[in-house]
Amino acid sequence: MSALADKAREKLDAELAEDAEFLRKLKPELIKKRVQGEAPTDQAPTEIKRAPSGPQLGKRPKPKKTGGPNPFLVVGAAFMIGVALAKWLDWRGHAHPRW
């Protein structure tokens, strides 16, 4: 069966080699675009569309810095305020003890 499959594959490859360019254009996505008028229809059947040799866009603009304080500074300040608040509450608790 392997020899039969190889023979069939060779025959199919020979037939498809002639229409390789045409078969590449039979993709369902391209057919859909052509029907909707989004893909070009004036190309020659053997014309191969090539990718551009270089980038098509210019340089990206640098994002603007939104600023804001350093996160470590914010955490440190919150920690210091928490310690100071705890000490103040503890000191006020000694002024009015509950017995």
C-alpha atoms as a PDB file:
ATOM      1  CA  MET A   1       0.000   0.000   0.000  1.00  0.00           C
ATOM      2  CA  SER A   2       2.926   2.331   0.605  1.00  0.00           C
ATOM      3  CA  ALA A   3       4.060   2.138  -3.019  1.00  0.00           C
ATOM      4  CA  LEU A   4       0.533   2.887  -4.197  1.00  0.00           C
ATOM      5  CA  ALA A   5       0.300   5.882  -1.875  1.00  0.00           C
ATOM      6  CA  ASP A   6       3.664   7.198  -3.057  1.00  0.00           C
ATOM      7  CA  LYS A   7       2.619   6.874  -6.693  1.00  0.00           C
ATOM      8  CA  ALA A   8      -0.647   8.712  -6.028  1.00  0.00           C
ATOM      9  CA  ARG A   9       1.185  11.420  -4.107  1.00  0.00           C
ATOM     10  CA  GLU A  10       3.657  11.929  -6.968  1.00  0.00           C
ATOM     11  CA  LYS A  11       0.823  12.198  -9.486  1.00  0.00           C
ATOM     12  CA  LEU A  12      -1.029  14.677  -7.283  1.00  0.00           C
ATOM     13  CA  ASP A  13       2.134  16.718  -6.669  1.00  0.00           C
ATOM     14  CA  ALA A  14       2.773  16.965 -10.404  1.00  0.00           C
ATOM     15  CA  GLU A  15      -0.761  18.206 -11.061  1.00  0.00           C
ATOM     16  CA  LEU A  16      -0.729  20.644  -8.164  1.00  0.00           C
ATOM     17  CA  ALA A  17       2.678  22.074  -9.072  1.00  0.00           C
ATOM     18  CA  GLU A  18       1.128  23.696 -12.134  1.00  0.00           C
ATOM     19  CA  ASP A  19      -1.605  25.390 -10.134  1.00  0.00           C
ATOM     20  CA  ALA A  20       0.341  26.173  -6.957  1.00  0.00           C
ATOM     21  CA  GLU A  21      -0.116  29.939  -7.260  1.00  0.00           C
ATOM     22  CA  PHE A  22      -3.824  29.575  -7.932  1.00  0.00           C
ATOM     23  CA  LEU A  23      -4.319  27.212  -5.008  1.00  0.00           C
ATOM     24  CA  ARG A  24      -2.583  29.619  -2.616  1.00  0.00           C
ATOM     25  CA  LYS A  25      -5.256  32.188  -3.406  1.00  0.00           C
ATOM     26  CA  LEU A  26      -8.151  29.806  -2.662  1.00  0.00           C
ATOM     27  CA  LYS A  27      -8.023  30.427   1.080  1.00  0.00           C
ATOM     28  CA  PRO A  28     -11.506  30.915   2.545  1.00  0.00           C
ATOM     29  CA  GLU A  29     -10.491  34.186   4.243  1.00  0.00           C
ATOM     30  CA  LEU A  30      -9.253  35.664   0.954  1.00  0.00           C
ATOM     31  CA  ILE A  31     -12.351  34.543  -0.934  1.00  0.00           C
ATOM     32  CA  LYS A  32     -14.546  36.148   1.723  1.00  0.00           C
ATOM     33  CA  LYS A  33     -12.577  39.421   1.505  1.00  0.00           C
ATOM     34  CA  ARG A  34     -12.838  39.445  -2.288  1.00  0.00           C
ATOM     35  CA  VAL A  35     -16.602  38.956  -2.149  1.00  0.00           C
ATOM     36  CA  GLN A  36     -16.944  41.785   0.372  1.00  0.00           C
ATOM     37  CA  GLY A  37     -14.735  44.021  -1.770  1.00  0.00           C
ATOM     38  CA  GLU A  38     -11.888  44.330   0.741  1.00  0.00           C
ATOM     39  CA  ALA A  39      -9.210  42.389  -1.195  1.00  0.00           C
ATOM     40  CA  PRO A  40      -7.831  43.473  -4.568  1.00  0.00           C
ATOM     41  CA  THR A  41      -9.279  41.687  -7.587  1.00  0.00           C
ATOM     42  CA  ASP A  42      -7.051  43.216 -10.281  1.00  0.00           C
ATOM     43  CA  GLN A  43      -3.947  41.095  -9.633  1.00  0.00           C
ATOM     44  CA  ALA A  44      -2.681  38.671 -12.223  1.00  0.00           C
ATOM     45  CA  PRO A  45      -3.225  35.015 -11.234  1.00  0.00           C
ATOM     46  CA  THR A  46       0.510  34.305 -11.080  1.00  0.00           C
ATOM     47  CA  GLU A  47       1.432  37.503  -9.286  1.00  0.00           C
ATOM     48  CA  ILE A  48       2.916  36.785  -5.863  1.00  0.00           C
ATOM     49  CA  LYS A  49       2.368  39.392  -3.198  1.00  0.00           C
ATOM     50  CA  ARG A  50       5.595  39.983  -1.305  1.00  0.00           C
ATOM     51  CA  ALA A  51       6.065  41.330   2.176  1.00  0.00           C
ATOM     52  CA  PRO A  52       7.683  44.761   2.550  1.00  0.00           C
ATOM     53  CA  SER A  53      11.433  44.753   3.030  1.00  0.00           C
ATOM     54  CA  GLY A  54      11.403  47.061   6.021  1.00  0.00           C
ATOM     55  CA  PRO A  55       9.165  48.480   8.700  1.00  0.00           C
ATOM     56  CA  GLN A  56       6.251  50.569   7.447  1.00  0.00           C
ATOM     57  CA  LEU A  57       5.629  52.635  10.573  1.00  0.00           C
ATOM     58  CA  GLY A  58       7.762  55.345  12.108  1.00  0.00           C
ATOM     59  CA  LYS A  59       9.211  55.289  15.581  1.00  0.00           C
ATOM     60  CA  ARG A  60       6.771  54.862  18.412  1.00  0.00           C
ATOM     61  CA  PRO A  61       6.230  57.915  20.594  1.00  0.00           C
ATOM     62  CA  LYS A  62       7.503  57.583  24.124  1.00  0.00           C
ATOM     63  CA  PRO A  63       4.686  57.257  26.647  1.00  0.00           C
ATOM     64  CA  LYS A  64       4.132  60.251  28.878  1.00  0.00           C
ATOM     65  CA  LYS A  65       5.156  59.778  32.463  1.00  0.00           C
ATOM     66  CA  THR A  66       2.121  60.045  34.660  1.00  0.00           C
ATOM     67  CA  GLY A  67       4.282  60.832  37.646  1.00  0.00           C
ATOM     68  CA  GLY A  68       3.187  60.190  41.151  1.00  0.00           C
ATOM     69  CA  PRO A  69       5.143  59.475  44.292  1.00  0.00           C
ATOM     70  CA  ASN A  70       7.497  56.577  44.728  1.00  0.00           C
ATOM     71  CA  PRO A  71       5.489  53.555  45.990  1.00  0.00           C
ATOM     72  CA  PHE A  72       8.143  52.753  48.589  1.00  0.00           C
ATOM     73  CA  LEU A  73       7.811  56.286  49.961  1.00  0.00           C
ATOM     74  CA  VAL A  74       4.024  55.893  50.233  1.00  0.00           C
ATOM     75  CA  VAL A  75       4.345  52.545  52.078  1.00  0.00           C
ATOM     76  CA  GLY A  76       7.006  53.975  54.396  1.00  0.00           C
ATOM     77  CA  ALA A  77       4.892  57.047  55.198  1.00  0.00           C
ATOM     78  CA  ALA A  78       1.816  54.896  55.878  1.00  0.00           C
ATOM     79  CA  PHE A  79       3.862  52.694  58.200  1.00  0.00           C
ATOM     80  CA  MET A  80       5.207  55.696  60.108  1.00  0.00           C
ATOM     81  CA  ILE A  81       1.736  57.248  60.443  1.00  0.00           C
ATOM     82  CA  GLY A  82       0.372  53.899  61.678  1.00  0.00           C
ATOM     83  CA  VAL A  83       3.095  53.587  64.330  1.00  0.00           C
ATOM     84  CA  ALA A  84       2.543  57.179  65.472  1.00  0.00           C
ATOM     85  CA  LEU A  85      -1.241  56.658  65.658  1.00  0.00           C
ATOM     86  CA  ALA A  86      -0.813  53.431  67.668  1.00  0.00           C
ATOM     87  CA  LYS A  87       1.521  55.146  70.152  1.00  0.00           C
ATOM     88  CA  TRP A  88      -0.879  58.074  70.535  1.00  0.00           C
ATOM     89  CA  LEU A  89      -3.845  55.765  71.166  1.00  0.00           C
ATOM     90  CA  ASP A  90      -1.839  53.764  73.687  1.00  0.00           C
ATOM     91  CA  TRP A  91      -0.799  56.957  75.505  1.00  0.00           C
ATOM     92  CA  ARG A  92      -4.430  58.208  75.574  1.00  0.00           C
ATOM     93  CA  GLY A  93      -5.535  54.829  76.926  1.00  0.00           C
ATOM     94  CA  HIS A  94      -3.412  55.349  80.037  1.00  0.00           C
ATOM     95  CA  ALA A  95      -5.172  58.664  80.774  1.00  0.00           C
ATOM     96  CA  HIS A  96      -8.556  56.975  81.275  1.00  0.00           C
ATOM     97  CA  PRO A  97      -8.015  53.400  82.448  1.00  0.00           C
ATOM     98  CA  ARG A  98     -11.000  51.052  82.671  1.00  0.00           C
ATOM     99  CA  TRP A  99     -10.987  49.016  85.859  1.00  0.00           C
END
